[in-house]
Amino acid sequence: MKKATESFDFDKTCTLAHLEVPEDQKEAMKKSIDDVLGYVETLNKLPINHLAPSSHAAENELYLREDKPVKHHGLLMDENAPDWQEGAFWVPQLKA
């Protein structure tokens, strides 16, 4: 069986990706890439023509909480914040 990595030049790919792979690690890296590409080839063989396109793996409703102010009980914001006024942090205005 032909390996997936036989269809591309490993050294050229490393050069294009600006990767420096030490010689003693090249064979292990090629094996890892071959495993990944082999898995992708397996996925490409799956019969998916009958499936409708989707934007998410699972269709779920978006669960949002109601947007309402929350009291900061016990955090002592007014005592611990650098500048805390009228229930909010105050920061200096940015000047252009």
PDB file of N, CA and C in Angstrom:
ATOM      1  N   MET A   1       0.840  -1.194   0.000  1.00  0.00           N
ATOM      2  CA  MET A   1       0.000   0.000   0.000  1.00  0.00           C
ATOM      3  C   MET A   1       0.879   1.249   0.000  1.00  0.00           C
ATOM      4  N   LYS A   2       0.542   2.186  -0.822  1.00  0.00           N
ATOM      5  CA  LYS A   2       1.298   3.429  -0.945  1.00  0.00           C
ATOM      6  C   LYS A   2       1.045   4.320   0.265  1.00  0.00           C
ATOM      7  N   LYS A   3       2.134   4.868   0.815  1.00  0.00           N
ATOM      8  CA  LYS A   3       1.997   5.777   1.949  1.00  0.00           C
ATOM      9  C   LYS A   3       1.552   7.153   1.470  1.00  0.00           C
ATOM     10  N   ALA A   4       0.781   7.833   2.313  1.00  0.00           N
ATOM     11  CA  ALA A   4       0.272   9.160   1.940  1.00  0.00           C
ATOM     12  C   ALA A   4       1.407  10.155   1.755  1.00  0.00           C
ATOM     13  N   THR A   5       2.485  10.005   2.549  1.00  0.00           N
ATOM     14  CA  THR A   5       3.586  10.965   2.466  1.00  0.00           C
ATOM     15  C   THR A   5       4.422  10.798   1.210  1.00  0.00           C
ATOM     16  N   GLU A   6       4.208   9.731   0.438  1.00  0.00           N
ATOM     17  CA  GLU A   6       4.964   9.544  -0.799  1.00  0.00           C
ATOM     18  C   GLU A   6       4.538  10.537  -1.872  1.00  0.00           C
ATOM     19  N   SER A   7       3.413  11.200  -1.656  1.00  0.00           N
ATOM     20  CA  SER A   7       2.914  12.126  -2.671  1.00  0.00           C
ATOM     21  C   SER A   7       3.451  13.547  -2.499  1.00  0.00           C
ATOM     22  N   PHE A   8       4.289  13.772  -1.480  1.00  0.00           N
ATOM     23  CA  PHE A   8       4.878  15.102  -1.340  1.00  0.00           C
ATOM     24  C   PHE A   8       6.302  14.994  -0.839  1.00  0.00           C
ATOM     25  N   ASP A   9       7.061  16.059  -1.077  1.00  0.00           N
ATOM     26  CA  ASP A   9       8.465  16.127  -0.677  1.00  0.00           C
ATOM     27  C   ASP A   9       8.535  16.711   0.736  1.00  0.00           C
ATOM     28  N   PHE A  10       8.925  15.877   1.703  1.00  0.00           N
ATOM     29  CA  PHE A  10       8.958  16.293   3.109  1.00  0.00           C
ATOM     30  C   PHE A  10       9.884  17.487   3.318  1.00  0.00           C
ATOM     31  N   ASP A  11      11.085  17.430   2.765  1.00  0.00           N
ATOM     32  CA  ASP A  11      12.050  18.525   2.959  1.00  0.00           C
ATOM     33  C   ASP A  11      11.546  19.832   2.348  1.00  0.00           C
ATOM     34  N   LYS A  12      10.943  19.740   1.167  1.00  0.00           N
ATOM     35  CA  LYS A  12      10.401  20.946   0.521  1.00  0.00           C
ATOM     36  C   LYS A  12       9.258  21.527   1.363  1.00  0.00           C
ATOM     37  N   THR A  13       8.408  20.641   1.891  1.00  0.00           N
ATOM     38  CA  THR A  13       7.304  21.088   2.741  1.00  0.00           C
ATOM     39  C   THR A  13       7.830  21.791   3.986  1.00  0.00           C
ATOM     40  N   CYS A  14       8.863  21.232   4.602  1.00  0.00           N
ATOM     41  CA  CYS A  14       9.473  21.864   5.784  1.00  0.00           C
ATOM     42  C   CYS A  14      10.048  23.235   5.434  1.00  0.00           C
ATOM     43  N   THR A  15      10.671  23.331   4.286  1.00  0.00           N
ATOM     44  CA  THR A  15      11.229  24.617   3.851  1.00  0.00           C
ATOM     45  C   THR A  15      10.128  25.646   3.655  1.00  0.00           C
ATOM     46  N   LEU A  16       9.055  25.257   2.962  1.00  0.00           N
ATOM     47  CA  LEU A  16       7.951  26.182   2.725  1.00  0.00           C
ATOM     48  C   LEU A  16       7.268  26.607   4.020  1.00  0.00           C
ATOM     49  N   ALA A  17       7.238  25.710   5.017  1.00  0.00           N
ATOM     50  CA  ALA A  17       6.596  26.004   6.295  1.00  0.00           C
ATOM     51  C   ALA A  17       7.571  26.634   7.285  1.00  0.00           C
ATOM     52  N   HIS A  18       8.806  26.874   6.847  1.00  0.00           N
ATOM     53  CA  HIS A  18       9.847  27.454   7.703  1.00  0.00           C
ATOM     54  C   HIS A  18      10.068  26.608   8.950  1.00  0.00           C
ATOM     55  N   LEU A  19      10.082  25.264   8.759  1.00  0.00           N
ATOM     56  CA  LEU A  19      10.329  24.346   9.860  1.00  0.00           C
ATOM     57  C   LEU A  19      11.740  23.804   9.760  1.00  0.00           C
ATOM     58  N   GLU A  20      12.403  23.733  10.890  1.00  0.00           N
ATOM     59  CA  GLU A  20      13.716  23.107  10.939  1.00  0.00           C
ATOM     60  C   GLU A  20      13.569  21.833  11.762  1.00  0.00           C
ATOM     61  N   VAL A  21      13.566  20.701  11.080  1.00  0.00           N
ATOM     62  CA  VAL A  21      13.414  19.412  11.752  1.00  0.00           C
ATOM     63  C   VAL A  21      14.784  18.748  11.808  1.00  0.00           C
ATOM     64  N   PRO A  22      15.270  18.452  13.005  1.00  0.00           N
ATOM     65  CA  PRO A  22      16.564  17.773  13.120  1.00  0.00           C
ATOM     66  C   PRO A  22      16.534  16.418  12.409  1.00  0.00           C
ATOM     67  N   GLU A  23      17.676  16.024  11.854  1.00  0.00           N
ATOM     68  CA  GLU A  23      17.769  14.781  11.090  1.00  0.00           C
ATOM     69  C   GLU A  23      17.274  13.583  11.897  1.00  0.00           C
ATOM     70  N   ASP A  24      17.579  13.533  13.196  1.00  0.00           N
ATOM     71  CA  ASP A  24      17.196  12.381  14.000  1.00  0.00           C
ATOM     72  C   ASP A  24      15.695  12.323  14.288  1.00  0.00           C
ATOM     73  N   GLN A  25      14.960  13.388  13.938  1.00  0.00           N
ATOM     74  CA  GLN A  25      13.517  13.412  14.173  1.00  0.00           C
ATOM     75  C   GLN A  25      12.700  13.336  12.879  1.00  0.00           C
ATOM     76  N   LYS A  26      13.372  13.369  11.745  1.00  0.00           N
ATOM     77  CA  LYS A  26      12.658  13.405  10.465  1.00  0.00           C
ATOM     78  C   LYS A  26      11.810  12.157  10.228  1.00  0.00           C
ATOM     79  N   GLU A  27      12.342  10.984  10.510  1.00  0.00           N
ATOM     80  CA  GLU A  27      11.583   9.754  10.251  1.00  0.00           C
ATOM     81  C   GLU A  27      10.341   9.685  11.135  1.00  0.00           C
ATOM     82  N   ALA A  28      10.472  10.078  12.409  1.00  0.00           N
ATOM     83  CA  ALA A  28       9.308  10.077  13.311  1.00  0.00           C
ATOM     84  C   ALA A  28       8.273  11.087  12.841  1.00  0.00           C
ATOM     85  N   MET A  29       8.726  12.249  12.355  1.00  0.00           N
ATOM     86  CA  MET A  29       7.813  13.278  11.851  1.00  0.00           C
ATOM     87  C   MET A  29       7.108  12.787  10.587  1.00  0.00           C
ATOM     88  N   LYS A  30       7.853  12.140   9.703  1.00  0.00           N
ATOM     89  CA  LYS A  30       7.247  11.594   8.480  1.00  0.00           C
ATOM     90  C   LYS A  30       6.187  10.552   8.839  1.00  0.00           C
ATOM     91  N   LYS A  31       6.469   9.707   9.840  1.00  0.00           N
ATOM     92  CA  LYS A  31       5.509   8.691  10.272  1.00  0.00           C
ATOM     93  C   LYS A  31       4.244   9.349  10.816  1.00  0.00           C
ATOM     94  N   SER A  32       4.410  10.396  11.622  1.00  0.00           N
ATOM     95  CA  SER A  32       3.250  11.102  12.183  1.00  0.00           C
ATOM     96  C   SER A  32       2.415  11.733  11.077  1.00  0.00           C
ATOM     97  N   ILE A  33       3.075  12.377  10.129  1.00  0.00           N
ATOM     98  CA  ILE A  33       2.361  13.014   9.023  1.00  0.00           C
ATOM     99  C   ILE A  33       1.658  11.951   8.177  1.00  0.00           C
ATOM    100  N   ASP A  34       2.330  10.825   7.957  1.00  0.00           N
ATOM    101  CA  ASP A  34       1.721   9.750   7.188  1.00  0.00           C
ATOM    102  C   ASP A  34       0.471   9.209   7.890  1.00  0.00           C
ATOM    103  N   ASP A  35       0.528   9.106   9.216  1.00  0.00           N
ATOM    104  CA  ASP A  35      -0.646   8.644   9.975  1.00  0.00           C
ATOM    105  C   ASP A  35      -1.817   9.612   9.818  1.00  0.00           C
ATOM    106  N   VAL A  36      -1.529  10.911   9.904  1.00  0.00           N
ATOM    107  CA  VAL A  36      -2.582  11.925   9.776  1.00  0.00           C
ATOM    108  C   VAL A  36      -3.164  11.900   8.367  1.00  0.00           C
ATOM    109  N   LEU A  37      -2.302  11.880   7.350  1.00  0.00           N
ATOM    110  CA  LEU A  37      -2.779  11.870   5.970  1.00  0.00           C
ATOM    111  C   LEU A  37      -3.527  10.577   5.649  1.00  0.00           C
ATOM    112  N   GLY A  38      -3.103   9.468   6.234  1.00  0.00           N
ATOM    113  CA  GLY A  38      -3.818   8.214   6.053  1.00  0.00           C
ATOM    114  C   GLY A  38      -5.216   8.295   6.635  1.00  0.00           C
ATOM    115  N   TYR A  39      -5.342   8.940   7.785  1.00  0.00           N
ATOM    116  CA  TYR A  39      -6.656   9.113   8.404  1.00  0.00           C
ATOM    117  C   TYR A  39      -7.544  10.000   7.537  1.00  0.00           C
ATOM    118  N   VAL A  40      -6.961  11.054   6.978  1.00  0.00           N
ATOM    119  CA  VAL A  40      -7.719  11.937   6.089  1.00  0.00           C
ATOM    120  C   VAL A  40      -8.184  11.173   4.849  1.00  0.00           C
ATOM    121  N   GLU A  41      -7.324  10.328   4.311  1.00  0.00           N
ATOM    122  CA  GLU A  41      -7.730   9.503   3.157  1.00  0.00           C
ATOM    123  C   GLU A  41      -8.890   8.586   3.527  1.00  0.00           C
ATOM    124  N   THR A  42      -8.861   8.032   4.744  1.00  0.00           N
ATOM    125  CA  THR A  42      -9.960   7.187   5.212  1.00  0.00           C
ATOM    126  C   THR A  42     -11.249   7.996   5.295  1.00  0.00           C
ATOM    127  N   LEU A  43     -11.156   9.205   5.825  1.00  0.00           N
ATOM    128  CA  LEU A  43     -12.337  10.070   5.918  1.00  0.00           C
ATOM    129  C   LEU A  43     -12.870  10.423   4.533  1.00  0.00           C
ATOM    130  N   ASN A  44     -11.980  10.641   3.586  1.00  0.00           N
ATOM    131  CA  ASN A  44     -12.406  10.980   2.225  1.00  0.00           C
ATOM    132  C   ASN A  44     -13.168   9.842   1.551  1.00  0.00           C
ATOM    133  N   LYS A  45     -12.970   8.613   2.010  1.00  0.00           N
ATOM    134  CA  LYS A  45     -13.647   7.464   1.416  1.00  0.00           C
ATOM    135  C   LYS A  45     -15.050   7.246   1.977  1.00  0.00           C
ATOM    136  N   LEU A  46     -15.397   7.952   3.044  1.00  0.00           N
ATOM    137  CA  LEU A  46     -16.711   7.766   3.652  1.00  0.00           C
ATOM    138  C   LEU A  46     -17.820   8.260   2.731  1.00  0.00           C
ATOM    139  N   PRO A  47     -18.931   7.535   2.652  1.00  0.00           N
ATOM    140  CA  PRO A  47     -20.052   7.972   1.818  1.00  0.00           C
ATOM    141  C   PRO A  47     -20.865   9.059   2.526  1.00  0.00           C
ATOM    142  N   ILE A  48     -20.643  10.288   2.147  1.00  0.00           N
ATOM    143  CA  ILE A  48     -21.336  11.398   2.819  1.00  0.00           C
ATOM    144  C   ILE A  48     -22.212  12.206   1.868  1.00  0.00           C
ATOM    145  N   ASN A  49     -22.391  11.727   0.655  1.00  0.00           N
ATOM    146  CA  ASN A  49     -23.180  12.475  -0.327  1.00  0.00           C
ATOM    147  C   ASN A  49     -24.611  12.706   0.116  1.00  0.00           C
ATOM    148  N   HIS A  50     -25.144  11.830   0.934  1.00  0.00           N
ATOM    149  CA  HIS A  50     -26.530  11.952   1.383  1.00  0.00           C
ATOM    150  C   HIS A  50     -26.685  12.925   2.556  1.00  0.00           C
ATOM    151  N   LEU A  51     -25.596  13.403   3.120  1.00  0.00           N
ATOM    152  CA  LEU A  51     -25.664  14.303   4.277  1.00  0.00           C
ATOM    153  C   LEU A  51     -25.785  15.754   3.830  1.00  0.00           C
ATOM    154  N   ALA A  52     -26.611  16.496   4.546  1.00  0.00           N
ATOM    155  CA  ALA A  52     -26.767  17.928   4.257  1.00  0.00           C
ATOM    156  C   ALA A  52     -25.604  18.693   4.895  1.00  0.00           C
ATOM    157  N   PRO A  53     -25.128  19.733   4.222  1.00  0.00           N
ATOM    158  CA  PRO A  53     -24.066  20.542   4.818  1.00  0.00           C
ATOM    159  C   PRO A  53     -24.538  21.178   6.127  1.00  0.00           C
ATOM    160  N   SER A  54     -23.608  21.327   7.051  1.00  0.00           N
ATOM    161  CA  SER A  54     -23.949  21.986   8.319  1.00  0.00           C
ATOM    162  C   SER A  54     -22.777  22.842   8.769  1.00  0.00           C
ATOM    163  N   SER A  55     -23.057  23.782   9.629  1.00  0.00           N
ATOM    164  CA  SER A  55     -22.003  24.672  10.111  1.00  0.00           C
ATOM    165  C   SER A  55     -21.428  24.198  11.436  1.00  0.00           C
ATOM    166  N   HIS A  56     -22.112  23.267  12.114  1.00  0.00           N
ATOM    167  CA  HIS A  56     -21.654  22.758  13.401  1.00  0.00           C
ATOM    168  C   HIS A  56     -21.763  21.237  13.416  1.00  0.00           C
ATOM    169  N   ALA A  57     -20.982  20.608  14.272  1.00  0.00           N
ATOM    170  CA  ALA A  57     -21.028  19.159  14.380  1.00  0.00           C
ATOM    171  C   ALA A  57     -22.347  18.682  14.981  1.00  0.00           C
ATOM    172  N   ALA A  58     -22.891  19.447  15.893  1.00  0.00           N
ATOM    173  CA  ALA A  58     -24.179  19.098  16.510  1.00  0.00           C
ATOM    174  C   ALA A  58     -25.094  20.305  16.432  1.00  0.00           C
ATOM    175  N   GLU A  59     -26.353  20.046  16.139  1.00  0.00           N
ATOM    176  CA  GLU A  59     -27.295  21.153  16.038  1.00  0.00           C
ATOM    177  C   GLU A  59     -27.911  21.418  17.407  1.00  0.00           C
ATOM    178  N   ASN A  60     -27.552  22.521  17.985  1.00  0.00           N
ATOM    179  CA  ASN A  60     -28.074  22.923  19.290  1.00  0.00           C
ATOM    180  C   ASN A  60     -28.584  24.349  19.206  1.00  0.00           C
ATOM    181  N   GLU A  61     -29.539  24.631  20.043  1.00  0.00           N
ATOM    182  CA  GLU A  61     -29.997  26.008  20.184  1.00  0.00           C
ATOM    183  C   GLU A  61     -28.903  26.777  20.916  1.00  0.00           C
ATOM    184  N   LEU A  62     -28.796  28.045  20.634  1.00  0.00           N
ATOM    185  CA  LEU A  62     -27.842  28.878  21.340  1.00  0.00           C
ATOM    186  C   LEU A  62     -28.458  29.283  22.670  1.00  0.00           C
ATOM    187  N   TYR A  63     -27.860  28.824  23.735  1.00  0.00           N
ATOM    188  CA  TYR A  63     -28.400  29.107  25.058  1.00  0.00           C
ATOM    189  C   TYR A  63     -27.738  30.357  25.621  1.00  0.00           C
ATOM    190  N   LEU A  64     -28.494  31.422  25.686  1.00  0.00           N
ATOM    191  CA  LEU A  64     -27.978  32.675  26.226  1.00  0.00           C
ATOM    192  C   LEU A  64     -28.751  33.030  27.490  1.00  0.00           C
ATOM    193  N   ARG A  65     -28.016  33.553  28.431  1.00  0.00           N
ATOM    194  CA  ARG A  65     -28.688  34.018  29.637  1.00  0.00           C
ATOM    195  C   ARG A  65     -29.212  35.427  29.382  1.00  0.00           C
ATOM    196  N   GLU A  66     -30.153  35.826  30.173  1.00  0.00           N
ATOM    197  CA  GLU A  66     -30.679  37.180  30.062  1.00  0.00           C
ATOM    198  C   GLU A  66     -29.581  38.154  30.475  1.00  0.00           C
ATOM    199  N   ASP A  67     -29.406  39.199  29.712  1.00  0.00           N
ATOM    200  CA  ASP A  67     -28.380  40.184  30.001  1.00  0.00           C
ATOM    201  C   ASP A  67     -28.913  41.171  31.024  1.00  0.00           C
ATOM    202  N   LYS A  68     -28.502  40.992  32.276  1.00  0.00           N
ATOM    203  CA  LYS A  68     -28.965  41.881  33.332  1.00  0.00           C
ATOM    204  C   LYS A  68     -27.815  42.136  34.286  1.00  0.00           C
ATOM    205  N   PRO A  69     -27.804  43.288  34.932  1.00  0.00           N
ATOM    206  CA  PRO A  69     -26.718  43.615  35.872  1.00  0.00           C
ATOM    207  C   PRO A  69     -26.675  42.626  37.032  1.00  0.00           C
ATOM    208  N   VAL A  70     -25.479  42.362  37.503  1.00  0.00           N
ATOM    209  CA  VAL A  70     -25.283  41.444  38.619  1.00  0.00           C
ATOM    210  C   VAL A  70     -24.578  42.203  39.732  1.00  0.00           C
ATOM    211  N   LYS A  71     -25.056  42.022  40.939  1.00  0.00           N
ATOM    212  CA  LYS A  71     -24.411  42.650  42.097  1.00  0.00           C
ATOM    213  C   LYS A  71     -23.121  41.895  42.420  1.00  0.00           C
ATOM    214  N   HIS A  72     -22.094  42.621  42.772  1.00  0.00           N
ATOM    215  CA  HIS A  72     -20.801  42.045  43.127  1.00  0.00           C
ATOM    216  C   HIS A  72     -20.716  41.938  44.642  1.00  0.00           C
ATOM    217  N   HIS A  73     -21.388  40.969  45.190  1.00  0.00           N
ATOM    218  CA  HIS A  73     -21.430  40.797  46.628  1.00  0.00           C
ATOM    219  C   HIS A  73     -20.097  40.274  47.158  1.00  0.00           C
ATOM    220  N   GLY A  74     -19.572  40.922  48.156  1.00  0.00           N
ATOM    221  CA  GLY A  74     -18.383  40.437  48.838  1.00  0.00           C
ATOM    222  C   GLY A  74     -17.071  40.647  48.114  1.00  0.00           C
ATOM    223  N   LEU A  75     -17.060  41.296  46.966  1.00  0.00           N
ATOM    224  CA  LEU A  75     -15.815  41.486  46.240  1.00  0.00           C
ATOM    225  C   LEU A  75     -15.101  42.769  46.638  1.00  0.00           C
ATOM    226  N   LEU A  76     -15.778  43.637  47.373  1.00  0.00           N
ATOM    227  CA  LEU A  76     -15.195  44.905  47.834  1.00  0.00           C
ATOM    228  C   LEU A  76     -14.590  45.699  46.685  1.00  0.00           C
ATOM    229  N   MET A  77     -15.306  45.754  45.568  1.00  0.00           N
ATOM    230  CA  MET A  77     -14.815  46.463  44.389  1.00  0.00           C
ATOM    231  C   MET A  77     -14.520  47.923  44.708  1.00  0.00           C
ATOM    232  N   ASP A  78     -15.399  48.545  45.456  1.00  0.00           N
ATOM    233  CA  ASP A  78     -15.201  49.959  45.749  1.00  0.00           C
ATOM    234  C   ASP A  78     -13.962  50.186  46.602  1.00  0.00           C
ATOM    235  N   GLU A  79     -13.508  49.186  47.335  1.00  0.00           N
ATOM    236  CA  GLU A  79     -12.313  49.339  48.164  1.00  0.00           C
ATOM    237  C   GLU A  79     -11.044  48.869  47.456  1.00  0.00           C
ATOM    238  N   ASN A  80     -11.163  47.863  46.596  1.00  0.00           N
ATOM    239  CA  ASN A  80      -9.986  47.251  45.976  1.00  0.00           C
ATOM    240  C   ASN A  80      -9.668  47.755  44.574  1.00  0.00           C
ATOM    241  N   ALA A  81     -10.615  48.358  43.902  1.00  0.00           N
ATOM    242  CA  ALA A  81     -10.382  48.838  42.542  1.00  0.00           C
ATOM    243  C   ALA A  81      -9.562  50.120  42.575  1.00  0.00           C
ATOM    244  N   PRO A  82      -8.722  50.320  41.545  1.00  0.00           N
ATOM    245  CA  PRO A  82      -7.921  51.545  41.502  1.00  0.00           C
ATOM    246  C   PRO A  82      -8.786  52.803  41.503  1.00  0.00           C
ATOM    247  N   ASP A  83      -9.848  52.813  40.723  1.00  0.00           N
ATOM    248  CA  ASP A  83     -10.759  53.955  40.694  1.00  0.00           C
ATOM    249  C   ASP A  83     -12.162  53.419  40.420  1.00  0.00           C
ATOM    250  N   TRP A  84     -12.990  53.356  41.428  1.00  0.00           N
ATOM    251  CA  TRP A  84     -14.329  52.774  41.367  1.00  0.00           C
ATOM    252  C   TRP A  84     -15.327  53.870  41.696  1.00  0.00           C
ATOM    253  N   GLN A  85     -16.114  54.264  40.697  1.00  0.00           N
ATOM    254  CA  GLN A  85     -17.101  55.327  40.902  1.00  0.00           C
ATOM    255  C   GLN A  85     -18.419  54.907  40.273  1.00  0.00           C
ATOM    256  N   GLU A  86     -19.478  55.191  40.941  1.00  0.00           N
ATOM    257  CA  GLU A  86     -20.826  54.946  40.432  1.00  0.00           C
ATOM    258  C   GLU A  86     -21.006  53.510  39.928  1.00  0.00           C
ATOM    259  N   GLY A  87     -20.397  52.554  40.648  1.00  0.00           N
ATOM    260  CA  GLY A  87     -20.574  51.153  40.304  1.00  0.00           C
ATOM    261  C   GLY A  87     -19.797  50.687  39.092  1.00  0.00           C
ATOM    262  N   ALA A  88     -18.745  51.409  38.714  1.00  0.00           N
ATOM    263  CA  ALA A  88     -17.965  51.021  37.540  1.00  0.00           C
ATOM    264  C   ALA A  88     -16.505  51.394  37.728  1.00  0.00           C
ATOM    265  N   PHE A  89     -15.619  50.702  36.977  1.00  0.00           N
ATOM    266  CA  PHE A  89     -14.212  51.077  36.960  1.00  0.00           C
ATOM    267  C   PHE A  89     -14.063  52.336  36.131  1.00  0.00           C
ATOM    268  N   TRP A  90     -13.268  53.242  36.569  1.00  0.00           N
ATOM    269  CA  TRP A  90     -12.963  54.446  35.801  1.00  0.00           C
ATOM    270  C   TRP A  90     -11.519  54.377  35.356  1.00  0.00           C
ATOM    271  N   VAL A  91     -11.307  54.692  34.086  1.00  0.00           N
ATOM    272  CA  VAL A  91      -9.965  54.676  33.518  1.00  0.00           C
ATOM    273  C   VAL A  91      -9.705  56.018  32.853  1.00  0.00           C
ATOM    274  N   PRO A  92      -8.453  56.416  32.760  1.00  0.00           N
ATOM    275  CA  PRO A  92      -8.156  57.684  32.099  1.00  0.00           C
ATOM    276  C   PRO A  92      -8.544  57.638  30.629  1.00  0.00           C
ATOM    277  N   GLN A  93      -8.952  58.774  30.090  1.00  0.00           N
ATOM    278  CA  GLN A  93      -9.311  58.862  28.694  1.00  0.00           C
ATOM    279  C   GLN A  93      -8.066  58.743  27.834  1.00  0.00           C
ATOM    280  N   LEU A  94      -8.173  57.972  26.754  1.00  0.00           N
ATOM    281  CA  LEU A  94      -7.044  57.831  25.839  1.00  0.00           C
ATOM    282  C   LEU A  94      -6.955  59.060  24.943  1.00  0.00           C
ATOM    283  N   LYS A  95      -5.764  59.558  24.759  1.00  0.00           N
ATOM    284  CA  LYS A  95      -5.576  60.727  23.907  1.00  0.00           C
ATOM    285  C   LYS A  95      -4.854  60.299  22.649  1.00  0.00           C
ATOM    286  N   ALA A  96      -5.318  60.814  21.539  1.00  0.00           N
ATOM    287  CA  ALA A  96      -4.723  60.447  20.251  1.00  0.00           C
ATOM    288  C   ALA A  96      -3.434  61.185  20.014  1.00  0.00           C
TER     289      ALA A  96
END
